[in-house]
C-alpha atoms as a PDB file:
ATOM      1  CA  MET A   1     -17.302  -6.336  17.556  1.00  0.00           C
ATOM      2  CA  ILE A   2     -15.372  -9.416  16.967  1.00  0.00           C
ATOM      3  CA  THR A   3     -17.381 -12.347  18.459  1.00  0.00           C
ATOM      4  CA  PHE A   4     -16.448 -15.904  19.245  1.00  0.00           C
ATOM      5  CA  GLY A   5     -18.560 -16.983  16.215  1.00  0.00           C
ATOM      6  CA  ARG A   6     -16.684 -14.747  13.904  1.00  0.00           C
ATOM      7  CA  ILE A   7     -13.394 -16.065  15.179  1.00  0.00           C
ATOM      8  CA  VAL A   8     -14.558 -19.714  14.434  1.00  0.00           C
ATOM      9  CA  LEU A   9     -15.704 -18.620  10.925  1.00  0.00           C
ATOM     10  CA  CYS A  10     -12.169 -17.211  10.340  1.00  0.00           C
ATOM     11  CA  ILE A  11     -10.539 -20.333  11.446  1.00  0.00           C
ATOM     12  CA  ALA A  12     -12.782 -22.525   9.361  1.00  0.00           C
ATOM     13  CA  ILE A  13     -12.099 -20.469   6.276  1.00  0.00           C
ATOM     14  CA  LEU A  14      -8.365 -20.640   6.702  1.00  0.00           C
ATOM     15  CA  SER A  15      -8.518 -24.328   7.298  1.00  0.00           C
ATOM     16  CA  ILE A  16     -10.495 -24.973   4.181  1.00  0.00           C
ATOM     17  CA  GLY A  17      -8.032 -22.842   2.317  1.00  0.00           C
ATOM     18  CA  ALA A  18      -5.007 -24.676   3.642  1.00  0.00           C
ATOM     19  CA  ALA A  19      -6.724 -28.120   2.898  1.00  0.00           C
ATOM     20  CA  ALA A  20      -7.291 -26.908  -0.786  1.00  0.00           C
ATOM     21  CA  ALA A  21      -3.635 -25.719  -1.153  1.00  0.00           C
ATOM     22  CA  ALA A  22      -2.346 -29.012   0.009  1.00  0.00           C
ATOM     23  CA  SER A  23      -4.489 -31.007  -2.367  1.00  0.00           C
ATOM     24  CA  ALA A  24      -3.834 -31.712  -6.044  1.00  0.00           C
ATOM     25  CA  PRO A  25      -5.797 -33.793  -8.624  1.00  0.00           C
ATOM     26  CA  ALA A  26      -4.218 -37.216  -9.283  1.00  0.00           C
ATOM     27  CA  LEU A  27      -2.813 -37.888 -12.782  1.00  0.00           C
ATOM     28  CA  ALA A  28      -3.976 -40.702 -14.914  1.00  0.00           C
ATOM     29  CA  GLU A  29      -1.809 -42.205 -17.550  1.00  0.00           C
ATOM     30  CA  VAL A  30      -3.257 -42.475 -20.997  1.00  0.00           C
ATOM     31  CA  SER A  31      -1.400 -44.344 -23.663  1.00  0.00           C
ATOM     32  CA  SER A  32      -1.272 -42.898 -27.218  1.00  0.00           C
ATOM     33  CA  GLY A  33       0.872 -45.095 -29.370  1.00  0.00           C
ATOM     34  CA  ASP A  34       4.372 -45.258 -27.991  1.00  0.00           C
ATOM     35  CA  THR A  35       3.746 -41.971 -25.851  1.00  0.00           C
ATOM     36  CA  ALA A  36       2.354 -41.920 -22.328  1.00  0.00           C
ATOM     37  CA  VAL A  37       0.314 -38.846 -21.613  1.00  0.00           C
ATOM     38  CA  PHE A  38      -0.748 -37.817 -18.083  1.00  0.00           C
ATOM     39  CA  VAL A  39      -4.069 -36.084 -17.701  1.00  0.00           C
ATOM     40  CA  PRO A  40      -5.832 -35.034 -14.562  1.00  0.00           C
ATOM     41  CA  GLU A  41      -8.382 -37.505 -13.355  1.00  0.00           C
ATOM     42  CA  PRO A  42     -12.070 -36.142 -13.106  1.00  0.00           C
ATOM     43  CA  LEU A  43     -12.551 -34.231  -9.844  1.00  0.00           C
ATOM     44  CA  SER A  44     -14.626 -36.005  -7.152  1.00  0.00           C
ATOM     45  CA  THR A  45     -17.770 -34.201  -5.952  1.00  0.00           C
ATOM     46  CA  PHE A  46     -15.793 -33.233  -2.706  1.00  0.00           C
ATOM     47  CA  GLU A  47     -12.821 -31.966  -4.715  1.00  0.00           C
ATOM     48  CA  ALA A  48     -15.016 -29.966  -6.974  1.00  0.00           C
ATOM     49  CA  LEU A  49     -16.841 -28.510  -4.005  1.00  0.00           C
ATOM     50  CA  VAL A  50     -13.527 -27.501  -2.214  1.00  0.00           C
ATOM     51  CA  ALA A  51     -12.049 -26.183  -5.518  1.00  0.00           C
ATOM     52  CA  ARG A  52     -14.778 -23.549  -5.576  1.00  0.00           C
ATOM     53  CA  LEU A  53     -15.606 -23.129  -1.869  1.00  0.00           C
ATOM     54  CA  ALA A  54     -12.114 -22.493  -0.629  1.00  0.00           C
ATOM     55  CA  PRO A  55     -11.298 -19.646  -3.004  1.00  0.00           C
ATOM     56  CA  ALA A  56     -14.695 -17.980  -2.349  1.00  0.00           C
ATOM     57  CA  LEU A  57     -14.403 -18.277   1.416  1.00  0.00           C
ATOM     58  CA  LEU A  58     -10.783 -17.119   1.557  1.00  0.00           C
ATOM     59  CA  GLY A  59     -11.505 -14.301  -0.950  1.00  0.00           C
ATOM     60  CA  TYR A  60     -14.356 -13.095   1.220  1.00  0.00           C
ATOM     61  CA  LEU A  61     -12.187 -13.214   4.312  1.00  0.00           C
ATOM     62  CA  ILE A  62      -9.429 -11.114   2.698  1.00  0.00           C
ATOM     63  CA  GLY A  63     -11.967  -8.658   1.151  1.00  0.00           C
ATOM     64  CA  SER A  64     -13.717  -8.079   4.479  1.00  0.00           C
ATOM     65  CA  ILE A  65     -10.673  -6.471   6.228  1.00  0.00           C
ATOM     66  CA  PRO A  66     -11.842  -2.915   7.002  1.00  0.00           C
ATOM     67  CA  PHE A  67      -8.603  -1.014   6.321  1.00  0.00           C
ATOM     68  CA  GLY A  68     -10.222   2.371   6.405  1.00  0.00           C
ATOM     69  CA  LEU A  69     -11.565   1.768   9.812  1.00  0.00           C
ATOM     70  CA  LEU A  70      -8.336   0.178  11.178  1.00  0.00           C
ATOM     71  CA  LEU A  71      -6.058   2.842   9.872  1.00  0.00           C
ATOM     72  CA  THR A  72      -8.099   5.668  11.182  1.00  0.00           C
ATOM     73  CA  ARG A  73      -8.424   4.087  14.605  1.00  0.00           C
ATOM     74  CA  LEU A  74      -4.637   3.578  14.614  1.00  0.00           C
ATOM     75  CA  ALA A  75      -4.159   7.174  13.776  1.00  0.00           C
ATOM     76  CA  GLY A  76      -6.365   8.291  16.818  1.00  0.00           C
ATOM     77  CA  LEU A  77      -9.170   9.610  14.610  1.00  0.00           C
ATOM     78  CA  GLY A  78     -11.928   7.522  16.200  1.00  0.00           C
ATOM     79  CA  ASP A  79     -14.468   5.595  14.237  1.00  0.00           C
ATOM     80  CA  ILE A  80     -14.594   6.720  10.615  1.00  0.00           C
ATOM     81  CA  ARG A  81     -18.227   5.636  10.542  1.00  0.00           C
ATOM     82  CA  SER A  82     -19.124   8.457  12.639  1.00  0.00           C
ATOM     83  CA  ILE A  83     -18.140  11.219  10.215  1.00  0.00           C
ATOM     84  CA  GLY A  84     -19.159  12.252   6.652  1.00  0.00           C
ATOM     85  CA  SER A  85     -20.938   9.553   4.765  1.00  0.00           C
ATOM     86  CA  GLY A  86     -20.240   6.912   7.488  1.00  0.00           C
ATOM     87  CA  ASN A  87     -18.397   4.907   4.918  1.00  0.00           C
ATOM     88  CA  ILE A  88     -15.188   3.072   5.484  1.00  0.00           C
ATOM     89  CA  GLY A  89     -13.613   3.711   2.245  1.00  0.00           C
ATOM     90  CA  ALA A  90     -10.743   6.053   1.119  1.00  0.00           C
ATOM     91  CA  THR A  91     -13.247   8.932   0.046  1.00  0.00           C
ATOM     92  CA  ASN A  92     -14.571   9.344   3.483  1.00  0.00           C
ATOM     93  CA  VAL A  93     -11.102   8.963   5.156  1.00  0.00           C
ATOM     94  CA  LEU A  94     -10.015  11.907   2.944  1.00  0.00           C
ATOM     95  CA  ARG A  95     -12.715  13.939   4.623  1.00  0.00           C
ATOM     96  CA  THR A  96     -10.794  13.717   7.849  1.00  0.00           C
ATOM     97  CA  GLY A  97      -8.145  15.865   6.203  1.00  0.00           C
ATOM     98  CA  HIS A  98      -5.530  13.084   6.268  1.00  0.00           C
ATOM     99  CA  LYS A  99      -4.524  12.552   2.678  1.00  0.00           C
ATOM    100  CA  GLY A 100      -1.806  10.034   3.459  1.00  0.00           C
ATOM    101  CA  LEU A 101      -4.295   7.724   5.293  1.00  0.00           C
ATOM    102  CA  ALA A 102      -6.824   8.153   2.376  1.00  0.00           C
ATOM    103  CA  ALA A 103      -4.225   7.095  -0.041  1.00  0.00           C
ATOM    104  CA  LEU A 104      -3.129   4.219   1.985  1.00  0.00           C
ATOM    105  CA  THR A 105      -6.688   2.968   2.571  1.00  0.00           C
ATOM    106  CA  LEU A 106      -7.322   3.240  -1.246  1.00  0.00           C
ATOM    107  CA  LEU A 107      -4.136   1.174  -1.919  1.00  0.00           C
ATOM    108  CA  LEU A 108      -4.783  -1.491   0.622  1.00  0.00           C
ATOM    109  CA  ASP A 109      -8.568  -1.790  -0.352  1.00  0.00           C
ATOM    110  CA  ALA A 110      -7.469  -2.387  -3.993  1.00  0.00           C
ATOM    111  CA  LEU A 111      -4.549  -4.775  -3.026  1.00  0.00           C
ATOM    112  CA  LYS A 112      -6.987  -7.015  -1.051  1.00  0.00           C
ATOM    113  CA  GLY A 113      -8.977  -7.506  -4.220  1.00  0.00           C
ATOM    114  CA  THR A 114      -5.900  -8.478  -6.103  1.00  0.00           C
ATOM    115  CA  ALA A 115      -4.584 -10.593  -3.396  1.00  0.00           C
ATOM    116  CA  ALA A 116      -7.929 -12.590  -3.347  1.00  0.00           C
ATOM    117  CA  VAL A 117      -7.787 -13.258  -7.187  1.00  0.00           C
ATOM    118  CA  ILE A 118      -4.141 -14.496  -6.903  1.00  0.00           C
ATOM    119  CA  ALA A 119      -4.907 -16.785  -3.962  1.00  0.00           C
ATOM    120  CA  GLY A 120      -8.027 -18.094  -5.781  1.00  0.00           C
ATOM    121  CA  HIS A 121      -5.913 -18.658  -8.864  1.00  0.00           C
ATOM    122  CA  ALA A 122      -3.294 -20.581  -6.862  1.00  0.00           C
ATOM    123  CA  ILE A 123      -5.814 -22.817  -5.168  1.00  0.00           C
ATOM    124  CA  GLY A 124      -7.889 -23.462  -8.256  1.00  0.00           C
ATOM    125  CA  ALA A 125      -4.853 -24.288 -10.439  1.00  0.00           C
ATOM    126  CA  ARG A 126      -4.290 -27.392  -8.204  1.00  0.00           C
ATOM    127  CA  PHE A 127      -7.649 -28.674  -9.420  1.00  0.00           C
ATOM    128  CA  GLY A 128      -7.608 -27.447 -12.903  1.00  0.00           C
ATOM    129  CA  LEU A 129      -9.985 -24.648 -12.246  1.00  0.00           C
ATOM    130  CA  ALA A 130      -7.580 -21.683 -11.918  1.00  0.00           C
ATOM    131  CA  ILE A 131      -9.701 -19.033 -13.940  1.00  0.00           C
ATOM    132  CA  GLU A 132     -12.964 -20.046 -12.418  1.00  0.00           C
ATOM    133  CA  ALA A 133     -11.451 -20.036  -8.916  1.00  0.00           C
ATOM    134  CA  SER A 134      -9.951 -16.559  -9.485  1.00  0.00           C
ATOM    135  CA  LEU A 135     -13.273 -15.198 -10.552  1.00  0.00           C
ATOM    136  CA  LEU A 136     -15.091 -16.603  -7.544  1.00  0.00           C
ATOM    137  CA  ALA A 137     -12.353 -15.370  -5.232  1.00  0.00           C
ATOM    138  CA  GLY A 138     -12.563 -11.886  -6.782  1.00  0.00           C
ATOM    139  CA  LEU A 139     -16.371 -11.579  -6.479  1.00  0.00           C
ATOM    140  CA  ALA A 140     -16.093 -12.854  -2.803  1.00  0.00           C
ATOM    141  CA  ALA A 141     -13.536 -10.218  -2.011  1.00  0.00           C
ATOM    142  CA  PHE A 142     -15.828  -7.583  -3.469  1.00  0.00           C
ATOM    143  CA  LEU A 143     -18.680  -8.909  -1.457  1.00  0.00           C
ATOM    144  CA  GLY A 144     -16.439  -9.114   1.643  1.00  0.00           C
ATOM    145  CA  HIS A 145     -15.669  -5.363   1.434  1.00  0.00           C
ATOM    146  CA  ILE A 146     -19.250  -4.223   1.061  1.00  0.00           C
ATOM    147  CA  PHE A 147     -20.643  -6.960   3.526  1.00  0.00           C
ATOM    148  CA  PRO A 148     -17.860  -7.643   6.056  1.00  0.00           C
ATOM    149  CA  VAL A 149     -18.603 -10.104   8.605  1.00  0.00           C
ATOM    150  CA  TRP A 150     -16.622  -8.087  11.239  1.00  0.00           C
ATOM    151  CA  LEU A 151     -18.778  -4.983  10.940  1.00  0.00           C
ATOM    152  CA  ASP A 152     -22.352  -6.715  10.980  1.00  0.00           C
ATOM    153  CA  PHE A 153     -22.171  -6.895   7.154  1.00  0.00           C
ATOM    154  CA  LYS A 154     -22.109  -3.009   6.882  1.00  0.00           C
ATOM    155  CA  GLY A 155     -19.105  -2.035   4.837  1.00  0.00           C
ATOM    156  CA  GLY A 156     -17.683   0.040   2.169  1.00  0.00           C
ATOM    157  CA  LYS A 157     -18.990   0.752  -1.455  1.00  0.00           C
ATOM    158  CA  GLY A 158     -16.353  -1.207  -3.056  1.00  0.00           C
ATOM    159  CA  VAL A 159     -14.627   1.107  -5.564  1.00  0.00           C
ATOM    160  CA  ALA A 160     -11.037   0.431  -4.552  1.00  0.00           C
ATOM    161  CA  THR A 161     -11.683  -3.358  -4.245  1.00  0.00           C
ATOM    162  CA  TYR A 162     -13.391  -3.255  -7.631  1.00  0.00           C
ATOM    163  CA  ILE A 163     -10.256  -1.853  -9.127  1.00  0.00           C
ATOM    164  CA  GLY A 164      -8.006  -4.469  -7.352  1.00  0.00           C
ATOM    165  CA  VAL A 165     -10.206  -7.448  -8.545  1.00  0.00           C
ATOM    166  CA  VAL A 166     -10.229  -6.290 -12.174  1.00  0.00           C
ATOM    167  CA  GLY A 167      -6.492  -5.551 -12.101  1.00  0.00           C
ATOM    168  CA  GLY A 168      -5.735  -9.016 -10.766  1.00  0.00           C
ATOM    169  CA  LEU A 169      -7.838 -10.620 -13.573  1.00  0.00           C
ATOM    170  CA  VAL A 170      -7.035  -8.252 -16.602  1.00  0.00           C
ATOM    171  CA  TRP A 171      -4.660  -5.386 -15.814  1.00  0.00           C
ATOM    172  CA  PRO A 172      -5.922  -3.194 -18.773  1.00  0.00           C
ATOM    173  CA  GLY A 173      -9.333  -3.211 -17.201  1.00  0.00           C
ATOM    174  CA  ALA A 174      -7.906  -1.559 -14.021  1.00  0.00           C
ATOM    175  CA  LEU A 175      -6.218   1.080 -16.219  1.00  0.00           C
ATOM    176  CA  ILE A 176      -9.500   1.748 -18.039  1.00  0.00           C
ATOM    177  CA  PHE A 177     -11.320   2.166 -14.811  1.00  0.00           C
ATOM    178  CA  CYS A 178      -8.753   4.534 -13.390  1.00  0.00           C
ATOM    179  CA  GLY A 179      -8.555   6.510 -16.689  1.00  0.00           C
ATOM    180  CA  VAL A 180     -12.347   7.038 -16.771  1.00  0.00           C
ATOM    181  CA  TRP A 181     -12.467   7.781 -12.964  1.00  0.00           C
ATOM    182  CA  LEU A 182      -9.731  10.441 -13.312  1.00  0.00           C
ATOM    183  CA  ALA A 183     -11.192  12.077 -16.459  1.00  0.00           C
ATOM    184  CA  THR A 184     -14.653  12.321 -14.776  1.00  0.00           C
ATOM    185  CA  ALA A 185     -13.206  13.505 -11.455  1.00  0.00           C
ATOM    186  CA  ILE A 186     -11.174  16.426 -13.196  1.00  0.00           C
ATOM    187  CA  VAL A 187     -14.399  17.548 -14.943  1.00  0.00           C
ATOM    188  CA  THR A 188     -16.860  17.052 -12.159  1.00  0.00           C
ATOM    189  CA  ARG A 189     -14.735  16.831  -8.813  1.00  0.00           C
ATOM    190  CA  TYR A 190     -17.327  14.235  -7.742  1.00  0.00           C
ATOM    191  CA  SER A 191     -15.844  10.916  -6.473  1.00  0.00           C
ATOM    192  CA  SER A 192     -19.118   9.174  -6.746  1.00  0.00           C
ATOM    193  CA  ALA A 193     -19.888  10.259 -10.195  1.00  0.00           C
ATOM    194  CA  SER A 194     -16.413   9.255 -11.217  1.00  0.00           C
ATOM    195  CA  ALA A 195     -16.700   5.772  -9.712  1.00  0.00           C
ATOM    196  CA  LEU A 196     -20.155   5.420 -11.343  1.00  0.00           C
ATOM    197  CA  ALA A 197     -18.851   6.440 -14.728  1.00  0.00           C
ATOM    198  CA  ALA A 198     -15.809   4.093 -14.508  1.00  0.00           C
ATOM    199  CA  SER A 199     -17.810   1.049 -13.290  1.00  0.00           C
ATOM    200  CA  VAL A 200     -20.143   1.375 -16.246  1.00  0.00           C
ATOM    201  CA  ALA A 201     -17.405   1.738 -18.724  1.00  0.00           C
ATOM    202  CA  THR A 202     -15.145  -0.962 -17.491  1.00  0.00           C
ATOM    203  CA  PRO A 203     -17.429  -4.088 -18.221  1.00  0.00           C
ATOM    204  CA  ALA A 204     -18.264  -2.651 -21.730  1.00  0.00           C
ATOM    205  CA  ALA A 205     -14.548  -2.231 -22.413  1.00  0.00           C
ATOM    206  CA  LEU A 206     -13.769  -5.767 -21.161  1.00  0.00           C
ATOM    207  CA  PHE A 207     -16.478  -7.182 -23.450  1.00  0.00           C
ATOM    208  CA  GLY A 208     -14.888  -5.226 -26.341  1.00  0.00           C
ATOM    209  CA  LEU A 209     -11.518  -6.551 -25.693  1.00  0.00           C
ATOM    210  CA  GLY A 210     -12.862 -10.218 -25.609  1.00  0.00           C
ATOM    211  CA  TYR A 211     -12.564 -10.923 -21.800  1.00  0.00           C
ATOM    212  CA  VAL A 212     -16.057 -12.168 -21.412  1.00  0.00           C
ATOM    213  CA  PRO A 213     -16.007 -14.066 -18.101  1.00  0.00           C
ATOM    214  CA  GLU A 214     -14.089 -11.099 -16.572  1.00  0.00           C
ATOM    215  CA  ALA A 215     -16.633  -8.675 -18.154  1.00  0.00           C
ATOM    216  CA  LEU A 216     -19.427 -10.589 -16.664  1.00  0.00           C
ATOM    217  CA  LEU A 217     -17.883 -10.406 -13.382  1.00  0.00           C
ATOM    218  CA  ALA A 218     -17.281  -6.773 -13.689  1.00  0.00           C
ATOM    219  CA  LEU A 219     -21.006  -6.316 -14.636  1.00  0.00           C
ATOM    220  CA  ILE A 220     -22.081  -7.922 -11.495  1.00  0.00           C
ATOM    221  CA  MET A 221     -19.755  -5.813  -9.343  1.00  0.00           C
ATOM    222  CA  THR A 222     -21.071  -2.727 -11.151  1.00  0.00           C
ATOM    223  CA  ALA A 223     -24.581  -3.628 -10.398  1.00  0.00           C
ATOM    224  CA  LEU A 224     -23.787  -3.823  -6.683  1.00  0.00           C
ATOM    225  CA  LEU A 225     -21.708  -0.646  -6.891  1.00  0.00           C
ATOM    226  CA  LEU A 226     -24.499   1.198  -8.457  1.00  0.00           C
ATOM    227  CA  TRP A 227     -26.848  -0.169  -5.739  1.00  0.00           C
ATOM    228  CA  LYS A 228     -24.590   0.883  -2.926  1.00  0.00           C
ATOM    229  CA  HIS A 229     -24.293   4.331  -4.478  1.00  0.00           C
ATOM    230  CA  GLU A 230     -28.019   4.967  -4.584  1.00  0.00           C
ATOM    231  CA  PRO A 231     -27.836   7.727  -1.905  1.00  0.00           C
ATOM    232  CA  ASN A 232     -24.975   9.408  -3.855  1.00  0.00           C
ATOM    233  CA  ILE A 233     -27.151   9.260  -6.947  1.00  0.00           C
ATOM    234  CA  ARG A 234     -29.920  10.979  -5.224  1.00  0.00           C
ATOM    235  CA  ARG A 235     -27.690  13.663  -3.856  1.00  0.00           C
ATOM    236  CA  LEU A 236     -26.103  14.112  -7.230  1.00  0.00           C
ATOM    237  CA  ILE A 237     -29.470  14.787  -8.853  1.00  0.00           C
ATOM    238  CA  LYS A 238     -30.271  17.280  -6.035  1.00  0.00           C
ATOM    239  CA  GLY A 239     -26.906  18.974  -6.189  1.00  0.00           C
ATOM    240  CA  GLU A 240     -26.096  18.038  -2.678  1.00  0.00           C
ATOM    241  CA  GLU A 241     -23.233  15.662  -3.188  1.00  0.00           C
ATOM    242  CA  PRO A 242     -19.967  16.735  -1.577  1.00  0.00           C
ATOM    243  CA  ARG A 243     -17.032  17.281  -3.770  1.00  0.00           C
ATOM    244  CA  ILE A 244     -13.677  15.539  -3.609  1.00  0.00           C
ATOM    245  CA  GLY A 245     -11.601  16.987  -0.768  1.00  0.00           C
ATOM    246  CA  GLY A 246     -14.478  18.371   1.104  1.00  0.00           C
ATOM    247  CA  LYS A 247     -14.372  17.923   4.963  1.00  0.00           C
ATOM    248  CA  ALA A 248     -17.250  16.625   7.021  1.00  0.00           C
END
């Protein structure tokens, strides 16, 4: 249920994001011989706070949009949380038998991760903190998906948003994730096992490619994704996990 408090939170987040987008660090002139060089002045404590807080809050707000729930309700399928695993992600939407809705859910959940990274980069760039801000926004979007304020902090497991965040930061990382997911899915036909394998492989691959900050972020998301998949892991061990395409 969307309460007044949540509406206020949404407005506050957008206001901070707008204030950050409208701000830019002042330039100080530094003389070097006959050449004048302009360098950003050091950020004030307030600017440093806004440069990090605005991308994080905006990223969280974007990530918390429950596309799976919204799309299934618009399609007249009721509350997706009442069927299958109770999850709001694409895999559970697929259990309704509507492949198109499942694909659209997957796409939108991924794109919100990418959108958060792009927005965070744009805000952070105005303060000289583009990379840090994009990482913060990406992590916040992932957290927003699995802990959405609109659904009493009970959201999805984050697989699609993980892909979108990594894709927004380092596009080869998203290809690696999707490649491992697809290979595992072909062999096992388990969506959860595919996601687990891909999420473990991706940070390792990013470290190997030299993307250390992005790999560290992926490692954090992997830990959260593994935690969210604990029931799936238990069912996989017992041989009770439903396979891809199985209806509720």
